[in-house]
Amino acid sequence: MASKLLMITVLIFDIIAFGLAVGAEQRRSTARIVQDSDANYNYCVYDSDISTGLGVGALLFLLVSQVLIMGVSRCFCCGKPLSPGGSRAWAVILFITCWVFFLIAEVCLLAGSVRNAYHTKYKPFYSDTPQHCQTLRKGVFGAGAAFILLNAIVSQFYYVCYSSAREKFQSYGAETGVGLGPYK
């Protein structure tokens, strides 16, 4: 039987990570062009850097969630063998899918956080033509949030299938030696 306490804990971590990623998307850095009259150049002024912290927080909560699921299931490769059948097949498929979604979400959150932190610095440019200040592309943290949600769903199903296959396993014999009980 799958541990309900573990599933609830992992779900809470995933919901927190999702909320932080959505918050990071909403609070992406914006910029405006300001002209310096003394030095005769323009520069970009970026607003607060809160979305970088939110993105890193989402990344860490998702990481803890994944470590909990993989730690309890022993990353699918160690521990008690699994019973052959549908539960084991689904556990394998969901294990791979869970890792793919996790890696995509982590890459989106990490790239968004790094890129957003880079854009919070002042950047002078010497040109008469109007230029645009570079900001993080819209949707990077949103994609991370979407993959966090997908990872949350898949990891819950993975753990249920894994637990089901693990508990159905029966060894083929109680002992491996030759029984000599009646010959005493």
C-alpha atoms as a PDB file:
ATOM      1  CA  MET A   1       0.000   0.000   0.000  1.00  0.00           C
ATOM      2  CA  ALA A   2       1.332   3.399  -0.951  1.00  0.00           C
ATOM      3  CA  SER A   3       2.136   5.696   1.959  1.00  0.00           C
ATOM      4  CA  LYS A   4      -0.542   8.380   2.096  1.00  0.00           C
ATOM      5  CA  LEU A   5       1.638  10.612   4.272  1.00  0.00           C
ATOM      6  CA  LEU A   6       4.415  10.539   1.654  1.00  0.00           C
ATOM      7  CA  MET A   7       1.985  11.231  -1.176  1.00  0.00           C
ATOM      8  CA  ILE A   8       0.455  14.194   0.660  1.00  0.00           C
ATOM      9  CA  THR A   9       3.897  15.575   1.568  1.00  0.00           C
ATOM     10  CA  VAL A  10       5.137  15.296  -2.013  1.00  0.00           C
ATOM     11  CA  LEU A  11       1.926  16.839  -3.321  1.00  0.00           C
ATOM     12  CA  ILE A  12       2.319  19.801  -0.940  1.00  0.00           C
ATOM     13  CA  PHE A  13       5.906  20.350  -2.092  1.00  0.00           C
ATOM     14  CA  ASP A  14       4.787  20.176  -5.726  1.00  0.00           C
ATOM     15  CA  ILE A  15       1.954  22.649  -5.142  1.00  0.00           C
ATOM     16  CA  ILE A  16       4.353  25.063  -3.442  1.00  0.00           C
ATOM     17  CA  ALA A  17       6.807  24.698  -6.344  1.00  0.00           C
ATOM     18  CA  PHE A  18       3.994  25.296  -8.840  1.00  0.00           C
ATOM     19  CA  GLY A  19       2.850  28.410  -6.982  1.00  0.00           C
ATOM     20  CA  LEU A  20       6.367  29.806  -6.826  1.00  0.00           C
ATOM     21  CA  ALA A  21       6.892  29.182 -10.551  1.00  0.00           C
ATOM     22  CA  VAL A  22       3.627  30.919 -11.414  1.00  0.00           C
ATOM     23  CA  GLY A  23       4.620  33.803  -9.131  1.00  0.00           C
ATOM     24  CA  ALA A  24       7.996  34.012 -10.860  1.00  0.00           C
ATOM     25  CA  GLU A  25       6.270  34.201 -14.235  1.00  0.00           C
ATOM     26  CA  GLN A  26       3.998  36.993 -13.025  1.00  0.00           C
ATOM     27  CA  ARG A  27       6.852  38.973 -11.466  1.00  0.00           C
ATOM     28  CA  ARG A  28       9.424  38.747 -14.261  1.00  0.00           C
ATOM     29  CA  SER A  29      11.781  41.698 -14.440  1.00  0.00           C
ATOM     30  CA  THR A  30      10.753  44.570 -16.664  1.00  0.00           C
ATOM     31  CA  ALA A  31      12.985  47.357 -17.939  1.00  0.00           C
ATOM     32  CA  ARG A  32      12.822  50.897 -19.147  1.00  0.00           C
ATOM     33  CA  ILE A  33      15.311  53.004 -21.093  1.00  0.00           C
ATOM     34  CA  VAL A  34      16.738  55.991 -19.244  1.00  0.00           C
ATOM     35  CA  GLN A  35      18.921  58.646 -20.818  1.00  0.00           C
ATOM     36  CA  ASP A  36      21.916  59.957 -18.908  1.00  0.00           C
ATOM     37  CA  SER A  37      22.279  63.618 -19.809  1.00  0.00           C
ATOM     38  CA  ASP A  38      25.801  64.009 -18.390  1.00  0.00           C
ATOM     39  CA  ALA A  39      27.469  61.114 -20.188  1.00  0.00           C
ATOM     40  CA  ASN A  40      25.236  61.220 -23.276  1.00  0.00           C
ATOM     41  CA  TYR A  41      24.243  57.582 -23.356  1.00  0.00           C
ATOM     42  CA  ASN A  42      21.145  55.499 -22.698  1.00  0.00           C
ATOM     43  CA  TYR A  43      20.896  52.612 -20.309  1.00  0.00           C
ATOM     44  CA  CYS A  44      18.337  50.082 -19.196  1.00  0.00           C
ATOM     45  CA  VAL A  45      16.989  50.185 -15.680  1.00  0.00           C
ATOM     46  CA  TYR A  46      15.457  46.920 -14.488  1.00  0.00           C
ATOM     47  CA  ASP A  47      12.972  46.605 -11.674  1.00  0.00           C
ATOM     48  CA  SER A  48      13.174  44.193  -8.744  1.00  0.00           C
ATOM     49  CA  ASP A  49      14.720  40.764  -8.897  1.00  0.00           C
ATOM     50  CA  ILE A  50      12.002  38.878  -6.995  1.00  0.00           C
ATOM     51  CA  SER A  51      11.266  36.385  -9.762  1.00  0.00           C
ATOM     52  CA  THR A  52      14.797  34.999  -9.612  1.00  0.00           C
ATOM     53  CA  GLY A  53      14.278  34.063  -5.971  1.00  0.00           C
ATOM     54  CA  LEU A  54      10.848  32.618  -6.694  1.00  0.00           C
ATOM     55  CA  GLY A  55      12.273  30.539  -9.546  1.00  0.00           C
ATOM     56  CA  VAL A  56      15.070  29.186  -7.367  1.00  0.00           C
ATOM     57  CA  GLY A  57      12.559  28.414  -4.614  1.00  0.00           C
ATOM     58  CA  ALA A  58      10.384  26.487  -7.073  1.00  0.00           C
ATOM     59  CA  LEU A  59      13.454  24.623  -8.297  1.00  0.00           C
ATOM     60  CA  LEU A  60      14.390  23.589  -4.734  1.00  0.00           C
ATOM     61  CA  PHE A  61      10.866  22.507  -3.744  1.00  0.00           C
ATOM     62  CA  LEU A  62      10.586  20.407  -6.897  1.00  0.00           C
ATOM     63  CA  LEU A  63      13.998  18.881  -6.171  1.00  0.00           C
ATOM     64  CA  VAL A  64      12.959  17.921  -2.628  1.00  0.00           C
ATOM     65  CA  SER A  65       9.749  16.403  -3.975  1.00  0.00           C
ATOM     66  CA  GLN A  66      11.634  14.298  -6.512  1.00  0.00           C
ATOM     67  CA  VAL A  67      14.234  13.202  -3.946  1.00  0.00           C
ATOM     68  CA  LEU A  68      11.480  12.053  -1.575  1.00  0.00           C
ATOM     69  CA  ILE A  69       9.716   9.950  -4.208  1.00  0.00           C
ATOM     70  CA  MET A  70      12.939   8.470  -5.563  1.00  0.00           C
ATOM     71  CA  GLY A  71      14.363   7.890  -2.092  1.00  0.00           C
ATOM     72  CA  VAL A  72      11.344   5.934  -0.911  1.00  0.00           C
ATOM     73  CA  SER A  73      11.123   3.919  -4.124  1.00  0.00           C
ATOM     74  CA  ARG A  74      14.916   3.486  -4.083  1.00  0.00           C
ATOM     75  CA  CYS A  75      15.069   5.061  -7.530  1.00  0.00           C
ATOM     76  CA  PHE A  76      13.340   1.991  -8.942  1.00  0.00           C
ATOM     77  CA  CYS A  77      16.560  -0.014  -9.271  1.00  0.00           C
ATOM     78  CA  CYS A  78      17.454  -1.070  -5.728  1.00  0.00           C
ATOM     79  CA  GLY A  79      15.570  -2.918  -3.055  1.00  0.00           C
ATOM     80  CA  LYS A  80      12.876  -5.550  -3.174  1.00  0.00           C
ATOM     81  CA  PRO A  81      12.058  -6.923  -6.639  1.00  0.00           C
ATOM     82  CA  LEU A  82       8.771  -6.021  -8.278  1.00  0.00           C
ATOM     83  CA  SER A  83       6.038  -8.408  -9.285  1.00  0.00           C
ATOM     84  CA  PRO A  84       5.769  -8.909 -13.052  1.00  0.00           C
ATOM     85  CA  GLY A  85       2.611  -7.541 -14.558  1.00  0.00           C
ATOM     86  CA  GLY A  86       0.765  -4.369 -15.387  1.00  0.00           C
ATOM     87  CA  SER A  87       1.773  -2.459 -12.250  1.00  0.00           C
ATOM     88  CA  ARG A  88       5.460  -3.008 -12.904  1.00  0.00           C
ATOM     89  CA  ALA A  89       5.134  -2.058 -16.573  1.00  0.00           C
ATOM     90  CA  TRP A  90       3.304   1.139 -15.679  1.00  0.00           C
ATOM     91  CA  ALA A  91       5.835   1.869 -12.948  1.00  0.00           C
ATOM     92  CA  VAL A  92       8.669   1.666 -15.493  1.00  0.00           C
ATOM     93  CA  ILE A  93       6.872   3.922 -17.991  1.00  0.00           C
ATOM     94  CA  LEU A  94       5.890   6.439 -15.322  1.00  0.00           C
ATOM     95  CA  PHE A  95       9.402   6.391 -13.811  1.00  0.00           C
ATOM     96  CA  ILE A  96      10.928   7.438 -17.135  1.00  0.00           C
ATOM     97  CA  THR A  97       8.191  10.008 -17.782  1.00  0.00           C
ATOM     98  CA  CYS A  98       8.589  11.430 -14.280  1.00  0.00           C
ATOM     99  CA  TRP A  99      12.318  11.962 -14.790  1.00  0.00           C
ATOM    100  CA  VAL A 100      11.796  13.579 -18.207  1.00  0.00           C
ATOM    101  CA  PHE A 101       9.219  16.025 -16.803  1.00  0.00           C
ATOM    102  CA  PHE A 102      11.439  16.720 -13.791  1.00  0.00           C
ATOM    103  CA  LEU A 103      14.477  17.504 -15.925  1.00  0.00           C
ATOM    104  CA  ILE A 104      12.518  19.780 -18.269  1.00  0.00           C
ATOM    105  CA  ALA A 105      10.974  21.662 -15.323  1.00  0.00           C
ATOM    106  CA  GLU A 106      14.349  22.073 -13.613  1.00  0.00           C
ATOM    107  CA  VAL A 107      15.988  23.339 -16.812  1.00  0.00           C
ATOM    108  CA  CYS A 108      13.191  25.873 -17.371  1.00  0.00           C
ATOM    109  CA  LEU A 109      13.370  27.126 -13.790  1.00  0.00           C
ATOM    110  CA  LEU A 110      17.151  27.274 -13.708  1.00  0.00           C
ATOM    111  CA  ALA A 111      17.463  28.963 -17.096  1.00  0.00           C
ATOM    112  CA  GLY A 112      14.713  31.433 -16.238  1.00  0.00           C
ATOM    113  CA  SER A 113      16.288  32.292 -12.902  1.00  0.00           C
ATOM    114  CA  VAL A 114      19.763  32.755 -14.341  1.00  0.00           C
ATOM    115  CA  ARG A 115      18.537  34.771 -17.317  1.00  0.00           C
ATOM    116  CA  ASN A 116      16.295  36.936 -15.148  1.00  0.00           C
ATOM    117  CA  ALA A 117      19.136  37.640 -12.689  1.00  0.00           C
ATOM    118  CA  TYR A 118      21.386  38.603 -15.600  1.00  0.00           C
ATOM    119  CA  HIS A 119      18.868  41.160 -16.828  1.00  0.00           C
ATOM    120  CA  THR A 120      18.653  43.002 -13.548  1.00  0.00           C
ATOM    121  CA  LYS A 121      21.981  44.756 -14.120  1.00  0.00           C
ATOM    122  CA  TYR A 122      22.353  48.165 -15.714  1.00  0.00           C
ATOM    123  CA  LYS A 123      23.452  47.994 -19.338  1.00  0.00           C
ATOM    124  CA  PRO A 124      24.629  51.162 -21.056  1.00  0.00           C
ATOM    125  CA  PHE A 125      24.497  51.451 -24.834  1.00  0.00           C
ATOM    126  CA  TYR A 126      25.820  54.260 -26.998  1.00  0.00           C
ATOM    127  CA  SER A 127      23.431  54.697 -29.861  1.00  0.00           C
ATOM    128  CA  ASP A 128      20.999  57.246 -31.173  1.00  0.00           C
ATOM    129  CA  THR A 129      18.607  54.602 -32.430  1.00  0.00           C
ATOM    130  CA  PRO A 130      16.060  53.406 -29.914  1.00  0.00           C
ATOM    131  CA  GLN A 131      16.950  49.976 -28.605  1.00  0.00           C
ATOM    132  CA  HIS A 132      15.027  47.530 -26.535  1.00  0.00           C
ATOM    133  CA  CYS A 133      16.164  46.399 -23.137  1.00  0.00           C
ATOM    134  CA  GLN A 134      16.485  42.641 -23.037  1.00  0.00           C
ATOM    135  CA  THR A 135      14.195  40.873 -20.608  1.00  0.00           C
ATOM    136  CA  LEU A 136      13.395  37.262 -19.928  1.00  0.00           C
ATOM    137  CA  ARG A 137      11.111  35.847 -22.582  1.00  0.00           C
ATOM    138  CA  LYS A 138       7.549  35.429 -21.417  1.00  0.00           C
ATOM    139  CA  GLY A 139       6.592  31.844 -20.658  1.00  0.00           C
ATOM    140  CA  VAL A 140       9.886  30.372 -19.400  1.00  0.00           C
ATOM    141  CA  PHE A 141       8.718  30.150 -15.795  1.00  0.00           C
ATOM    142  CA  GLY A 142       5.246  29.252 -17.078  1.00  0.00           C
ATOM    143  CA  ALA A 143       6.650  26.261 -18.925  1.00  0.00           C
ATOM    144  CA  GLY A 144       8.474  25.258 -15.751  1.00  0.00           C
ATOM    145  CA  ALA A 145       5.197  25.517 -13.825  1.00  0.00           C
ATOM    146  CA  ALA A 146       3.403  23.361 -16.395  1.00  0.00           C
ATOM    147  CA  PHE A 147       6.048  20.657 -16.183  1.00  0.00           C
ATOM    148  CA  ILE A 148       5.966  20.843 -12.370  1.00  0.00           C
ATOM    149  CA  LEU A 149       2.250  20.107 -12.548  1.00  0.00           C
ATOM    150  CA  LEU A 150       2.788  17.233 -14.983  1.00  0.00           C
ATOM    151  CA  ASN A 151       5.609  15.868 -12.830  1.00  0.00           C
ATOM    152  CA  ALA A 152       3.386  16.048  -9.732  1.00  0.00           C
ATOM    153  CA  ILE A 153       0.672  13.981 -11.408  1.00  0.00           C
ATOM    154  CA  VAL A 154       3.034  11.432 -12.940  1.00  0.00           C
ATOM    155  CA  SER A 155       5.107  10.985  -9.773  1.00  0.00           C
ATOM    156  CA  GLN A 156       1.975  10.244  -7.740  1.00  0.00           C
ATOM    157  CA  PHE A 157       0.869   7.582 -10.245  1.00  0.00           C
ATOM    158  CA  TYR A 158       4.419   6.205 -10.396  1.00  0.00           C
ATOM    159  CA  TYR A 159       4.558   5.764  -6.645  1.00  0.00           C
ATOM    160  CA  VAL A 160       1.156   4.042  -6.529  1.00  0.00           C
ATOM    161  CA  CYS A 161       2.113   1.625  -9.346  1.00  0.00           C
ATOM    162  CA  TYR A 162       5.523   1.001  -7.793  1.00  0.00           C
ATOM    163  CA  SER A 163       3.999   0.260  -4.376  1.00  0.00           C
ATOM    164  CA  SER A 164       1.423  -2.040  -5.910  1.00  0.00           C
ATOM    165  CA  ALA A 165       4.048  -4.016  -7.842  1.00  0.00           C
ATOM    166  CA  ARG A 166       6.350  -4.183  -4.824  1.00  0.00           C
ATOM    167  CA  GLU A 167       3.679  -5.563  -2.506  1.00  0.00           C
ATOM    168  CA  LYS A 168       2.408  -8.171  -4.980  1.00  0.00           C
ATOM    169  CA  PHE A 169       5.857  -9.783  -5.301  1.00  0.00           C
ATOM    170  CA  GLN A 170       6.099 -13.291  -3.854  1.00  0.00           C
ATOM    171  CA  SER A 171       9.339 -15.200  -3.732  1.00  0.00           C
ATOM    172  CA  TYR A 172       9.350 -18.632  -5.329  1.00  0.00           C
ATOM    173  CA  GLY A 173      10.375 -20.569  -2.240  1.00  0.00           C
ATOM    174  CA  ALA A 174      10.991 -20.109   1.411  1.00  0.00           C
ATOM    175  CA  GLU A 175      14.489 -21.567   1.358  1.00  0.00           C
ATOM    176  CA  THR A 176      17.010 -22.269  -1.358  1.00  0.00           C
ATOM    177  CA  GLY A 177      18.512 -25.473   0.058  1.00  0.00           C
ATOM    178  CA  VAL A 178      17.316 -29.070  -0.130  1.00  0.00           C
ATOM    179  CA  GLY A 179      14.793 -29.887   2.530  1.00  0.00           C
ATOM    180  CA  LEU A 180      15.874 -32.880   4.658  1.00  0.00           C
ATOM    181  CA  GLY A 181      13.230 -32.578   7.374  1.00  0.00           C
ATOM    182  CA  PRO A 182      11.658 -36.069   7.036  1.00  0.00           C
ATOM    183  CA  TYR A 183      15.052 -37.837   7.060  1.00  0.00           C
ATOM    184  CA  LYS A 184      15.980 -37.052  10.655  1.00  0.00           C
END
